[in-house]
Amino acid sequence: MPEAHPTRILLADDHALVRRGVRLILEGEPGLTVVAEAGDGAEAVEAARAHRPDLAILDIAMPRLTGLQAARELARSRPETRILILTMYDNEQYFFEALAAGASGYVLKSVADRDLVEACRATMRGEPFLYPGAVNALIRNYLGRLREGEDIPERPITSREEEILKLVAEGHSSQQIAELLVISVKTVERHRANLLQKLGLKDRLELTRYAIRVGLIEP
């Protein structure tokens, strides 16, 4: 029986075909409706502001802002919007970063037809949704930390520096980055200098190689 108030969903993926397929899965279910789509992370943040969805489903590898960067921004600016990561990456690092970014669940695209609807319903009930491999990763991580007395290592750069690193690596100028992030060109240049110093890199080319290595952009 359909819910009185359907769950309003924002769907963000840089592949229109993937969005179409996911939309078909979701809208074939009672109580779920896609109210907005986005082709990159920055569009997703804007669409969330405009449409006020209950749930944002975000891919990880997207232009301008990754799904993880968009998730962090949404968790800060729209904490009432719940977040699911839908990704091809069965990767522990991304999984832990997704949780840290405020996501309530992590679903693999390869089993989206099986898991996605349940993940949406669990998230809206306030329950986490984790695929089996992610549960194993959590247990391994917890046991490892108990054994070693260690925490998950801190990220070497801040969220803002990561945003700027991604945009630099994608070829955006300082002026374009300043306009996109609504900050001054001087601030962009300062962050860029900090990135080079922190990461021990020399120029844009090395920043781009680093961004590819850590999964911020696709080669």
N, C-alpha and C. Protein backbone atom coordinates (compact mmCIF):
# COMPACT_ATOMS: atom_id res chain seq x y z
N MET A 1 0.84 -1.19 0.00
CA MET A 1 0.00 0.00 0.00
C MET A 1 0.89 1.25 0.00
N PRO A 2 0.66 2.21 -0.92
CA PRO A 2 1.53 3.38 -0.99
C PRO A 2 1.51 4.18 0.30
N GLU A 3 2.69 4.75 0.61
CA GLU A 3 2.77 5.58 1.81
C GLU A 3 2.04 6.90 1.56
N ALA A 4 1.53 7.51 2.64
CA ALA A 4 0.81 8.77 2.52
C ALA A 4 1.70 9.84 1.90
N HIS A 5 2.96 9.86 2.30
CA HIS A 5 3.90 10.84 1.76
C HIS A 5 5.05 10.09 1.10
N PRO A 6 5.07 10.04 -0.23
CA PRO A 6 6.15 9.31 -0.91
C PRO A 6 7.52 9.89 -0.56
N THR A 7 8.51 9.03 -0.52
CA THR A 7 9.89 9.47 -0.31
C THR A 7 10.38 10.17 -1.58
N ARG A 8 10.76 11.42 -1.44
CA ARG A 8 11.22 12.23 -2.57
C ARG A 8 12.74 12.04 -2.74
N ILE A 9 13.14 11.60 -3.93
CA ILE A 9 14.53 11.16 -4.14
C ILE A 9 15.23 12.04 -5.18
N LEU A 10 16.47 12.40 -4.85
CA LEU A 10 17.39 13.02 -5.81
C LEU A 10 18.38 11.95 -6.25
N LEU A 11 18.56 11.83 -7.57
CA LEU A 11 19.42 10.79 -8.13
C LEU A 11 20.57 11.46 -8.88
N ALA A 12 21.80 11.20 -8.46
CA ALA A 12 22.97 11.85 -9.08
C ALA A 12 23.95 10.80 -9.60
N ASP A 13 24.17 10.83 -10.91
CA ASP A 13 25.14 9.95 -11.57
C ASP A 13 25.51 10.63 -12.88
N ASP A 14 26.78 10.54 -13.27
CA ASP A 14 27.18 11.25 -14.49
C ASP A 14 26.83 10.49 -15.77
N HIS A 15 26.24 9.30 -15.65
CA HIS A 15 25.80 8.54 -16.83
C HIS A 15 24.28 8.53 -16.90
N ALA A 16 23.74 9.14 -17.96
CA ALA A 16 22.28 9.24 -18.12
C ALA A 16 21.63 7.86 -18.17
N LEU A 17 22.32 6.88 -18.79
CA LEU A 17 21.75 5.52 -18.88
C LEU A 17 21.60 4.89 -17.50
N VAL A 18 22.60 5.11 -16.65
CA VAL A 18 22.53 4.58 -15.29
C VAL A 18 21.35 5.24 -14.54
N ARG A 19 21.25 6.56 -14.68
CA ARG A 19 20.14 7.26 -14.01
C ARG A 19 18.79 6.71 -14.47
N ARG A 20 18.68 6.46 -15.78
CA ARG A 20 17.40 5.95 -16.31
C ARG A 20 17.07 4.59 -15.70
N GLY A 21 18.08 3.72 -15.66
CA GLY A 21 17.86 2.39 -15.10
C GLY A 21 17.49 2.43 -13.63
N VAL A 22 18.21 3.26 -12.87
CA VAL A 22 17.93 3.36 -11.43
C VAL A 22 16.54 3.97 -11.21
N ARG A 23 16.21 4.95 -12.03
CA ARG A 23 14.89 5.59 -11.91
C ARG A 23 13.77 4.55 -12.13
N LEU A 24 13.96 3.69 -13.11
CA LEU A 24 12.97 2.63 -13.39
C LEU A 24 12.80 1.70 -12.17
N ILE A 25 13.93 1.34 -11.56
CA ILE A 25 13.87 0.48 -10.36
C ILE A 25 13.07 1.17 -9.26
N LEU A 26 13.39 2.44 -9.01
CA LEU A 26 12.78 3.15 -7.89
C LEU A 26 11.30 3.44 -8.12
N GLU A 27 10.99 3.91 -9.33
CA GLU A 27 9.61 4.33 -9.57
C GLU A 27 8.67 3.17 -9.84
N GLY A 28 9.24 1.96 -9.92
CA GLY A 28 8.39 0.77 -9.99
C GLY A 28 7.91 0.34 -8.61
N GLU A 29 8.34 1.06 -7.58
CA GLU A 29 8.00 0.71 -6.20
C GLU A 29 7.04 1.75 -5.61
N PRO A 30 6.07 1.30 -4.82
CA PRO A 30 5.19 2.27 -4.17
C PRO A 30 5.94 3.10 -3.13
N GLY A 31 5.58 4.38 -3.06
CA GLY A 31 6.14 5.23 -2.00
C GLY A 31 7.50 5.82 -2.31
N LEU A 32 8.03 5.59 -3.52
CA LEU A 32 9.32 6.17 -3.90
C LEU A 32 9.13 6.99 -5.18
N THR A 33 9.58 8.21 -5.19
CA THR A 33 9.47 9.03 -6.40
C THR A 33 10.74 9.86 -6.60
N VAL A 34 11.27 9.85 -7.82
CA VAL A 34 12.45 10.64 -8.16
C VAL A 34 11.99 12.04 -8.54
N VAL A 35 12.40 13.04 -7.77
CA VAL A 35 11.96 14.42 -8.02
C VAL A 35 13.02 15.24 -8.74
N ALA A 36 14.28 14.75 -8.78
CA ALA A 36 15.34 15.51 -9.46
C ALA A 36 16.47 14.57 -9.81
N GLU A 37 17.19 14.93 -10.90
CA GLU A 37 18.38 14.21 -11.31
C GLU A 37 19.53 15.19 -11.45
N ALA A 38 20.75 14.69 -11.29
CA ALA A 38 21.94 15.53 -11.46
C ALA A 38 23.02 14.71 -12.14
N GLY A 39 23.84 15.40 -12.96
CA GLY A 39 24.90 14.73 -13.70
C GLY A 39 26.27 14.85 -13.08
N ASP A 40 26.37 15.65 -12.00
CA ASP A 40 27.64 15.73 -11.26
C ASP A 40 27.35 16.15 -9.82
N GLY A 41 28.41 16.13 -9.00
CA GLY A 41 28.21 16.40 -7.58
C GLY A 41 27.75 17.81 -7.27
N ALA A 42 28.27 18.79 -8.04
CA ALA A 42 27.88 20.18 -7.80
C ALA A 42 26.40 20.38 -8.16
N GLU A 43 25.97 19.78 -9.28
CA GLU A 43 24.55 19.83 -9.66
C GLU A 43 23.69 19.18 -8.59
N ALA A 44 24.18 18.10 -7.99
CA ALA A 44 23.42 17.40 -6.96
C ALA A 44 23.17 18.32 -5.75
N VAL A 45 24.21 19.07 -5.35
CA VAL A 45 24.06 19.98 -4.21
C VAL A 45 23.02 21.06 -4.55
N GLU A 46 23.11 21.61 -5.77
CA GLU A 46 22.15 22.63 -6.19
C GLU A 46 20.73 22.06 -6.25
N ALA A 47 20.59 20.85 -6.81
CA ALA A 47 19.27 20.23 -6.93
C ALA A 47 18.67 19.94 -5.56
N ALA A 48 19.52 19.58 -4.61
CA ALA A 48 19.03 19.32 -3.25
C ALA A 48 18.48 20.60 -2.62
N ARG A 49 19.17 21.72 -2.88
CA ARG A 49 18.67 23.00 -2.36
C ARG A 49 17.35 23.37 -3.00
N ALA A 50 17.23 23.11 -4.30
CA ALA A 50 16.03 23.53 -5.04
C ALA A 50 14.84 22.63 -4.76
N HIS A 51 15.07 21.32 -4.66
CA HIS A 51 13.95 20.37 -4.60
C HIS A 51 13.70 19.79 -3.20
N ARG A 52 14.65 20.00 -2.27
CA ARG A 52 14.50 19.52 -0.89
C ARG A 52 14.07 18.04 -0.81
N PRO A 53 14.86 17.15 -1.39
CA PRO A 53 14.51 15.72 -1.35
C PRO A 53 14.65 15.14 0.05
N ASP A 54 13.95 14.04 0.28
CA ASP A 54 14.11 13.31 1.55
C ASP A 54 15.39 12.47 1.52
N LEU A 55 15.77 12.04 0.31
CA LEU A 55 16.87 11.10 0.15
C LEU A 55 17.67 11.47 -1.09
N ALA A 56 19.00 11.51 -0.96
CA ALA A 56 19.88 11.72 -2.11
C ALA A 56 20.66 10.44 -2.37
N ILE A 57 20.59 9.94 -3.61
CA ILE A 57 21.35 8.76 -4.01
C ILE A 57 22.49 9.25 -4.89
N LEU A 58 23.73 9.06 -4.44
CA LEU A 58 24.89 9.67 -5.09
C LEU A 58 25.89 8.63 -5.58
N ASP A 59 26.30 8.76 -6.84
CA ASP A 59 27.43 7.98 -7.35
C ASP A 59 28.71 8.57 -6.75
N ILE A 60 29.80 7.82 -6.74
CA ILE A 60 31.06 8.36 -6.21
C ILE A 60 31.81 9.13 -7.29
N ALA A 61 32.11 8.48 -8.42
CA ALA A 61 32.96 9.09 -9.44
C ALA A 61 32.12 10.00 -10.35
N MET A 62 32.09 11.29 -10.03
CA MET A 62 31.37 12.27 -10.84
C MET A 62 32.25 13.50 -11.05
N PRO A 63 32.04 14.26 -12.13
CA PRO A 63 32.81 15.48 -12.36
C PRO A 63 32.52 16.57 -11.32
N ARG A 64 33.40 17.56 -11.27
CA ARG A 64 33.30 18.76 -10.43
C ARG A 64 33.35 18.42 -8.94
N LEU A 65 32.33 17.78 -8.40
CA LEU A 65 32.39 17.25 -7.03
C LEU A 65 32.10 15.76 -7.09
N THR A 66 32.86 14.94 -6.35
CA THR A 66 32.53 13.51 -6.25
C THR A 66 31.29 13.36 -5.38
N GLY A 67 30.72 12.15 -5.40
CA GLY A 67 29.58 11.87 -4.53
C GLY A 67 29.93 12.03 -3.06
N LEU A 68 31.18 11.71 -2.70
CA LEU A 68 31.59 11.84 -1.30
C LEU A 68 31.69 13.31 -0.90
N GLN A 69 32.21 14.14 -1.81
CA GLN A 69 32.28 15.57 -1.54
C GLN A 69 30.87 16.16 -1.44
N ALA A 70 30.00 15.76 -2.37
CA ALA A 70 28.61 16.24 -2.34
C ALA A 70 27.92 15.79 -1.06
N ALA A 71 28.20 14.55 -0.62
CA ALA A 71 27.60 14.04 0.61
C ALA A 71 28.02 14.89 1.81
N ARG A 72 29.30 15.25 1.86
CA ARG A 72 29.76 16.08 2.98
C ARG A 72 29.07 17.44 2.98
N GLU A 73 28.91 18.02 1.77
CA GLU A 73 28.25 19.33 1.67
C GLU A 73 26.77 19.22 2.06
N LEU A 74 26.10 18.15 1.61
CA LEU A 74 24.68 17.97 1.96
C LEU A 74 24.51 17.70 3.45
N ALA A 75 25.40 16.91 4.02
CA ALA A 75 25.31 16.64 5.47
C ALA A 75 25.43 17.94 6.27
N ARG A 76 26.23 18.89 5.73
CA ARG A 76 26.41 20.17 6.42
C ARG A 76 25.23 21.11 6.16
N SER A 77 24.80 21.23 4.88
CA SER A 77 23.82 22.26 4.53
C SER A 77 22.38 21.76 4.57
N ARG A 78 22.17 20.43 4.40
CA ARG A 78 20.80 19.88 4.42
C ARG A 78 20.80 18.59 5.24
N PRO A 79 21.01 18.70 6.56
CA PRO A 79 21.11 17.49 7.37
C PRO A 79 19.84 16.64 7.37
N GLU A 80 18.70 17.26 7.00
CA GLU A 80 17.45 16.50 6.95
C GLU A 80 17.37 15.57 5.74
N THR A 81 18.23 15.77 4.73
CA THR A 81 18.26 14.88 3.56
C THR A 81 19.16 13.70 3.86
N ARG A 82 18.60 12.50 3.79
CA ARG A 82 19.42 11.31 4.03
C ARG A 82 20.17 10.94 2.76
N ILE A 83 21.27 10.22 2.93
CA ILE A 83 22.19 10.00 1.79
C ILE A 83 22.50 8.51 1.64
N LEU A 84 22.40 8.05 0.40
CA LEU A 84 22.84 6.71 0.03
C LEU A 84 23.92 6.83 -1.04
N ILE A 85 24.97 6.06 -0.92
CA ILE A 85 25.99 6.00 -1.97
C ILE A 85 25.69 4.77 -2.84
N LEU A 86 25.59 5.00 -4.16
CA LEU A 86 25.37 3.91 -5.12
C LEU A 86 26.59 3.90 -6.04
N THR A 87 27.37 2.84 -5.99
CA THR A 87 28.68 2.89 -6.65
C THR A 87 29.09 1.55 -7.24
N MET A 88 30.02 1.62 -8.20
CA MET A 88 30.62 0.39 -8.73
C MET A 88 31.79 -0.07 -7.87
N TYR A 89 32.25 0.81 -6.92
CA TYR A 89 33.47 0.52 -6.17
C TYR A 89 33.20 -0.32 -4.92
N ASP A 90 33.63 -1.57 -4.95
CA ASP A 90 33.61 -2.41 -3.75
C ASP A 90 34.95 -2.17 -3.06
N ASN A 91 35.03 -1.05 -2.34
CA ASN A 91 36.32 -0.54 -1.89
C ASN A 91 36.18 -0.06 -0.45
N GLU A 92 36.99 -0.62 0.44
CA GLU A 92 36.84 -0.30 1.87
C GLU A 92 37.12 1.18 2.16
N GLN A 93 38.10 1.75 1.47
CA GLN A 93 38.43 3.15 1.72
C GLN A 93 37.23 4.05 1.42
N TYR A 94 36.60 3.82 0.23
CA TYR A 94 35.44 4.62 -0.13
C TYR A 94 34.28 4.38 0.84
N PHE A 95 34.14 3.12 1.25
CA PHE A 95 33.07 2.78 2.18
C PHE A 95 33.20 3.56 3.49
N PHE A 96 34.41 3.55 4.07
CA PHE A 96 34.60 4.28 5.32
C PHE A 96 34.46 5.79 5.13
N GLU A 97 34.94 6.29 3.98
CA GLU A 97 34.80 7.72 3.71
C GLU A 97 33.32 8.09 3.55
N ALA A 98 32.54 7.18 2.95
CA ALA A 98 31.10 7.44 2.78
C ALA A 98 30.42 7.56 4.13
N LEU A 99 30.75 6.67 5.05
CA LEU A 99 30.17 6.74 6.40
C LEU A 99 30.59 8.04 7.09
N ALA A 100 31.87 8.39 6.96
CA ALA A 100 32.37 9.62 7.58
C ALA A 100 31.71 10.85 6.98
N ALA A 101 31.35 10.76 5.69
CA ALA A 101 30.74 11.90 4.99
C ALA A 101 29.27 12.08 5.36
N GLY A 102 28.69 11.09 6.04
CA GLY A 102 27.30 11.23 6.47
C GLY A 102 26.33 10.32 5.75
N ALA A 103 26.84 9.40 4.92
CA ALA A 103 25.93 8.48 4.21
C ALA A 103 25.35 7.45 5.18
N SER A 104 24.09 7.08 4.93
CA SER A 104 23.43 6.07 5.75
C SER A 104 23.57 4.68 5.16
N GLY A 105 24.02 4.60 3.91
CA GLY A 105 24.14 3.29 3.29
C GLY A 105 25.05 3.32 2.09
N TYR A 106 25.47 2.14 1.66
CA TYR A 106 26.44 1.97 0.58
C TYR A 106 25.96 0.79 -0.23
N VAL A 107 25.57 1.03 -1.49
CA VAL A 107 24.98 -0.01 -2.34
C VAL A 107 25.83 -0.16 -3.59
N LEU A 108 26.12 -1.39 -3.98
CA LEU A 108 26.89 -1.63 -5.20
C LEU A 108 25.96 -1.64 -6.42
N LYS A 109 26.39 -0.98 -7.50
CA LYS A 109 25.57 -0.93 -8.71
C LYS A 109 25.30 -2.33 -9.26
N SER A 110 26.25 -3.23 -9.06
CA SER A 110 26.10 -4.58 -9.63
C SER A 110 24.90 -5.33 -9.04
N VAL A 111 24.45 -4.91 -7.86
CA VAL A 111 23.27 -5.57 -7.25
C VAL A 111 22.19 -4.55 -6.92
N ALA A 112 22.19 -3.44 -7.64
CA ALA A 112 21.21 -2.38 -7.36
C ALA A 112 19.78 -2.88 -7.52
N ASP A 113 19.55 -3.74 -8.52
CA ASP A 113 18.19 -4.23 -8.72
C ASP A 113 17.70 -5.05 -7.52
N ARG A 114 18.64 -5.62 -6.79
CA ARG A 114 18.27 -6.44 -5.62
C ARG A 114 18.24 -5.61 -4.33
N ASP A 115 19.21 -4.70 -4.18
CA ASP A 115 19.41 -4.06 -2.88
C ASP A 115 18.89 -2.63 -2.76
N LEU A 116 18.76 -1.92 -3.88
CA LEU A 116 18.56 -0.48 -3.77
C LEU A 116 17.25 -0.09 -3.09
N VAL A 117 16.17 -0.75 -3.45
CA VAL A 117 14.87 -0.38 -2.87
C VAL A 117 14.89 -0.61 -1.36
N GLU A 118 15.42 -1.75 -0.94
CA GLU A 118 15.51 -2.03 0.50
C GLU A 118 16.41 -1.02 1.19
N ALA A 119 17.50 -0.62 0.51
CA ALA A 119 18.39 0.39 1.08
C ALA A 119 17.65 1.71 1.28
N CYS A 120 16.84 2.10 0.30
CA CYS A 120 16.05 3.34 0.43
C CYS A 120 15.10 3.24 1.62
N ARG A 121 14.42 2.12 1.74
CA ARG A 121 13.43 1.98 2.82
C ARG A 121 14.13 1.96 4.19
N ALA A 122 15.25 1.23 4.27
CA ALA A 122 16.00 1.17 5.54
C ALA A 122 16.48 2.56 5.93
N THR A 123 17.03 3.30 4.97
CA THR A 123 17.56 4.64 5.25
C THR A 123 16.45 5.56 5.76
N MET A 124 15.27 5.48 5.15
CA MET A 124 14.17 6.35 5.57
C MET A 124 13.60 5.92 6.93
N ARG A 125 13.86 4.67 7.32
CA ARG A 125 13.47 4.24 8.68
C ARG A 125 14.53 4.63 9.71
N GLY A 126 15.62 5.23 9.23
CA GLY A 126 16.70 5.62 10.14
C GLY A 126 17.66 4.50 10.44
N GLU A 127 17.65 3.46 9.59
CA GLU A 127 18.55 2.31 9.78
C GLU A 127 19.66 2.36 8.74
N PRO A 128 20.88 1.94 9.10
CA PRO A 128 21.96 1.88 8.09
C PRO A 128 21.71 0.73 7.13
N PHE A 129 22.19 0.86 5.90
CA PHE A 129 22.15 -0.26 4.95
C PHE A 129 23.55 -0.51 4.44
N LEU A 130 24.06 -1.70 4.70
CA LEU A 130 25.42 -2.07 4.29
C LEU A 130 25.38 -3.38 3.54
N TYR A 131 26.07 -3.45 2.39
CA TYR A 131 26.14 -4.71 1.67
C TYR A 131 27.06 -5.67 2.44
N PRO A 132 26.94 -6.99 2.21
CA PRO A 132 27.67 -7.96 3.05
C PRO A 132 29.18 -7.70 3.14
N GLY A 133 29.83 -7.34 2.01
CA GLY A 133 31.27 -7.08 2.04
C GLY A 133 31.61 -5.92 2.95
N ALA A 134 30.71 -4.93 3.00
CA ALA A 134 30.94 -3.76 3.85
C ALA A 134 30.86 -4.14 5.32
N VAL A 135 29.94 -5.03 5.64
CA VAL A 135 29.82 -5.49 7.03
C VAL A 135 31.12 -6.19 7.44
N ASN A 136 31.63 -7.04 6.54
CA ASN A 136 32.90 -7.71 6.83
C ASN A 136 34.03 -6.71 7.03
N ALA A 137 34.03 -5.66 6.20
CA ALA A 137 35.07 -4.63 6.30
C ALA A 137 34.99 -3.93 7.65
N LEU A 138 33.77 -3.63 8.09
CA LEU A 138 33.58 -2.97 9.38
C LEU A 138 34.11 -3.84 10.52
N ILE A 139 33.78 -5.12 10.45
CA ILE A 139 34.22 -6.04 11.52
C ILE A 139 35.75 -6.16 11.52
N ARG A 140 36.33 -6.32 10.32
CA ARG A 140 37.80 -6.41 10.21
C ARG A 140 38.46 -5.15 10.76
N ASN A 141 37.89 -4.00 10.38
CA ASN A 141 38.45 -2.73 10.82
C ASN A 141 38.38 -2.60 12.34
N TYR A 142 37.23 -2.95 12.90
CA TYR A 142 37.04 -2.85 14.35
C TYR A 142 38.02 -3.77 15.09
N LEU A 143 38.12 -5.01 14.62
CA LEU A 143 39.02 -5.97 15.28
C LEU A 143 40.48 -5.53 15.13
N GLY A 144 40.82 -5.00 13.95
CA GLY A 144 42.19 -4.52 13.72
C GLY A 144 42.53 -3.37 14.64
N ARG A 145 41.58 -2.45 14.82
CA ARG A 145 41.82 -1.31 15.71
C ARG A 145 41.96 -1.75 17.16
N LEU A 146 41.16 -2.74 17.55
CA LEU A 146 41.29 -3.27 18.91
C LEU A 146 42.68 -3.88 19.10
N ARG A 147 43.13 -4.63 18.08
CA ARG A 147 44.41 -5.33 18.16
C ARG A 147 45.57 -4.34 18.22
N GLU A 148 45.50 -3.34 17.35
CA GLU A 148 46.63 -2.40 17.20
C GLU A 148 46.50 -1.17 18.09
N GLY A 149 45.30 -0.93 18.62
CA GLY A 149 45.09 0.29 19.38
C GLY A 149 45.17 1.52 18.51
N GLU A 150 44.79 1.38 17.22
CA GLU A 150 44.90 2.50 16.28
C GLU A 150 43.52 2.94 15.80
N ASP A 151 43.44 4.20 15.37
CA ASP A 151 42.26 4.73 14.72
C ASP A 151 42.46 4.70 13.21
N ILE A 152 41.35 4.90 12.47
CA ILE A 152 41.47 5.05 11.03
C ILE A 152 42.35 6.28 10.77
N PRO A 153 43.35 6.18 9.89
CA PRO A 153 44.22 7.32 9.68
C PRO A 153 43.45 8.55 9.18
N GLU A 154 43.88 9.72 9.65
CA GLU A 154 43.23 10.94 9.20
C GLU A 154 43.57 11.22 7.75
N ARG A 155 42.65 11.88 7.04
CA ARG A 155 42.92 12.26 5.66
C ARG A 155 43.98 13.36 5.67
N PRO A 156 44.92 13.30 4.70
CA PRO A 156 46.01 14.27 4.73
C PRO A 156 45.58 15.69 4.37
N ILE A 157 44.44 15.81 3.66
CA ILE A 157 44.00 17.14 3.25
C ILE A 157 42.57 17.39 3.72
N THR A 158 42.20 18.65 3.83
CA THR A 158 40.85 19.00 4.29
C THR A 158 39.84 18.79 3.16
N SER A 159 38.55 18.81 3.51
CA SER A 159 37.50 18.64 2.51
C SER A 159 37.56 19.74 1.46
N ARG A 160 37.83 20.98 1.88
CA ARG A 160 37.90 22.10 0.93
C ARG A 160 39.10 21.93 -0.01
N GLU A 161 40.24 21.50 0.55
CA GLU A 161 41.41 21.26 -0.29
C GLU A 161 41.14 20.15 -1.30
N GLU A 162 40.40 19.14 -0.87
CA GLU A 162 40.06 18.05 -1.78
C GLU A 162 39.18 18.54 -2.93
N GLU A 163 38.22 19.41 -2.61
CA GLU A 163 37.37 20.00 -3.65
C GLU A 163 38.22 20.74 -4.68
N ILE A 164 39.16 21.54 -4.18
CA ILE A 164 40.00 22.34 -5.07
C ILE A 164 40.95 21.45 -5.86
N LEU A 165 41.51 20.43 -5.21
CA LEU A 165 42.38 19.47 -5.92
C LEU A 165 41.64 18.84 -7.09
N LYS A 166 40.43 18.41 -6.87
CA LYS A 166 39.65 17.76 -7.94
C LYS A 166 39.42 18.72 -9.11
N LEU A 167 39.05 19.94 -8.80
CA LEU A 167 38.76 20.92 -9.85
C LEU A 167 40.03 21.32 -10.61
N VAL A 168 41.14 21.47 -9.89
CA VAL A 168 42.42 21.76 -10.56
C VAL A 168 42.77 20.62 -11.52
N ALA A 169 42.63 19.38 -11.03
CA ALA A 169 42.98 18.22 -11.84
C ALA A 169 42.08 18.08 -13.06
N GLU A 170 40.85 18.58 -12.95
CA GLU A 170 39.92 18.54 -14.10
C GLU A 170 40.18 19.67 -15.09
N GLY A 171 41.15 20.54 -14.77
CA GLY A 171 41.55 21.56 -15.73
C GLY A 171 40.89 22.92 -15.54
N HIS A 172 40.16 23.10 -14.42
CA HIS A 172 39.52 24.40 -14.18
C HIS A 172 40.56 25.44 -13.76
N SER A 173 40.38 26.68 -14.21
CA SER A 173 41.27 27.77 -13.80
C SER A 173 40.92 28.21 -12.37
N SER A 174 41.82 28.98 -11.77
CA SER A 174 41.56 29.49 -10.42
C SER A 174 40.28 30.34 -10.40
N GLN A 175 40.08 31.13 -11.48
CA GLN A 175 38.88 31.97 -11.57
C GLN A 175 37.62 31.10 -11.62
N GLN A 176 37.64 30.03 -12.42
CA GLN A 176 36.49 29.13 -12.53
C GLN A 176 36.21 28.44 -11.19
N ILE A 177 37.28 28.02 -10.52
CA ILE A 177 37.11 27.35 -9.22
C ILE A 177 36.52 28.32 -8.21
N ALA A 178 37.01 29.55 -8.21
CA ALA A 178 36.50 30.57 -7.29
C ALA A 178 35.01 30.79 -7.51
N GLU A 179 34.59 30.85 -8.78
CA GLU A 179 33.17 31.07 -9.09
C GLU A 179 32.33 29.86 -8.66
N LEU A 180 32.84 28.67 -8.93
CA LEU A 180 32.09 27.45 -8.60
C LEU A 180 31.90 27.28 -7.09
N LEU A 181 32.95 27.58 -6.32
CA LEU A 181 32.91 27.36 -4.87
C LEU A 181 32.52 28.63 -4.10
N VAL A 182 32.29 29.72 -4.84
CA VAL A 182 31.89 31.01 -4.25
C VAL A 182 32.91 31.46 -3.19
N ILE A 183 34.18 31.47 -3.61
CA ILE A 183 35.26 31.98 -2.78
C ILE A 183 36.14 32.87 -3.66
N SER A 184 37.09 33.56 -3.07
CA SER A 184 37.94 34.46 -3.87
C SER A 184 39.05 33.68 -4.58
N VAL A 185 39.54 34.26 -5.67
CA VAL A 185 40.67 33.66 -6.40
C VAL A 185 41.87 33.53 -5.47
N LYS A 186 42.07 34.53 -4.62
CA LYS A 186 43.19 34.51 -3.67
C LYS A 186 43.09 33.30 -2.73
N THR A 187 41.87 33.00 -2.29
CA THR A 187 41.66 31.84 -1.41
C THR A 187 41.97 30.54 -2.16
N VAL A 188 41.53 30.47 -3.42
CA VAL A 188 41.83 29.28 -4.24
C VAL A 188 43.34 29.09 -4.34
N GLU A 189 44.06 30.18 -4.64
CA GLU A 189 45.52 30.09 -4.79
C GLU A 189 46.19 29.66 -3.48
N ARG A 190 45.66 30.15 -2.36
CA ARG A 190 46.24 29.77 -1.06
C ARG A 190 46.05 28.27 -0.81
N HIS A 191 44.83 27.78 -1.08
CA HIS A 191 44.56 26.34 -0.91
C HIS A 191 45.45 25.51 -1.84
N ARG A 192 45.62 26.01 -3.05
CA ARG A 192 46.44 25.28 -4.03
C ARG A 192 47.90 25.19 -3.55
N ALA A 193 48.41 26.30 -3.03
CA ALA A 193 49.78 26.30 -2.50
C ALA A 193 49.90 25.35 -1.31
N ASN A 194 48.87 25.34 -0.44
CA ASN A 194 48.88 24.42 0.71
C ASN A 194 48.90 22.96 0.24
N LEU A 195 48.11 22.68 -0.82
CA LEU A 195 48.06 21.31 -1.34
C LEU A 195 49.44 20.86 -1.82
N LEU A 196 50.10 21.71 -2.61
CA LEU A 196 51.42 21.35 -3.12
C LEU A 196 52.39 21.09 -1.97
N GLN A 197 52.31 21.95 -0.95
CA GLN A 197 53.23 21.80 0.19
C GLN A 197 52.92 20.53 0.99
N LYS A 198 51.64 20.33 1.32
CA LYS A 198 51.25 19.17 2.13
C LYS A 198 51.58 17.85 1.45
N LEU A 199 51.32 17.80 0.14
CA LEU A 199 51.47 16.54 -0.59
C LEU A 199 52.87 16.38 -1.18
N GLY A 200 53.71 17.42 -1.04
CA GLY A 200 55.07 17.36 -1.56
C GLY A 200 55.11 17.28 -3.08
N LEU A 201 54.20 18.02 -3.73
CA LEU A 201 54.12 17.99 -5.19
C LEU A 201 54.58 19.32 -5.77
N LYS A 202 54.88 19.34 -7.10
CA LYS A 202 55.48 20.53 -7.71
C LYS A 202 54.52 21.37 -8.53
N ASP A 203 53.58 20.71 -9.24
CA ASP A 203 52.78 21.46 -10.21
C ASP A 203 51.43 20.78 -10.46
N ARG A 204 50.66 21.38 -11.40
CA ARG A 204 49.32 20.86 -11.73
C ARG A 204 49.37 19.40 -12.21
N LEU A 205 50.38 19.06 -13.01
CA LEU A 205 50.49 17.70 -13.53
C LEU A 205 50.60 16.69 -12.39
N GLU A 206 51.44 17.00 -11.40
CA GLU A 206 51.60 16.08 -10.27
C GLU A 206 50.33 16.04 -9.42
N LEU A 207 49.65 17.20 -9.28
CA LEU A 207 48.36 17.21 -8.58
C LEU A 207 47.35 16.30 -9.29
N THR A 208 47.35 16.36 -10.62
CA THR A 208 46.42 15.55 -11.40
C THR A 208 46.71 14.06 -11.22
N ARG A 209 47.99 13.71 -11.25
CA ARG A 209 48.36 12.29 -11.04
C ARG A 209 47.91 11.82 -9.66
N TYR A 210 48.12 12.69 -8.65
CA TYR A 210 47.71 12.33 -7.29
C TYR A 210 46.18 12.15 -7.24
N ALA A 211 45.42 13.07 -7.89
CA ALA A 211 43.96 12.99 -7.88
C ALA A 211 43.48 11.69 -8.51
N ILE A 212 44.16 11.24 -9.57
CA ILE A 212 43.79 9.97 -10.21
C ILE A 212 44.09 8.81 -9.26
N ARG A 213 45.26 8.87 -8.61
CA ARG A 213 45.69 7.79 -7.72
C ARG A 213 44.72 7.58 -6.55
N VAL A 214 44.18 8.69 -6.02
CA VAL A 214 43.29 8.55 -4.86
C VAL A 214 41.82 8.49 -5.26
N GLY A 215 41.54 8.40 -6.58
CA GLY A 215 40.18 8.16 -7.04
C GLY A 215 39.29 9.39 -7.14
N LEU A 216 39.89 10.61 -7.11
CA LEU A 216 39.08 11.82 -7.23
C LEU A 216 38.62 12.05 -8.66
N ILE A 217 39.45 11.67 -9.62
CA ILE A 217 39.05 11.76 -11.03
C ILE A 217 39.44 10.45 -11.71
N GLU A 218 38.77 10.18 -12.84
CA GLU A 218 39.07 8.96 -13.59
C GLU A 218 40.18 9.26 -14.61
N PRO A 219 41.12 8.33 -14.84
CA PRO A 219 42.20 8.58 -15.80
C PRO A 219 41.65 8.68 -17.22
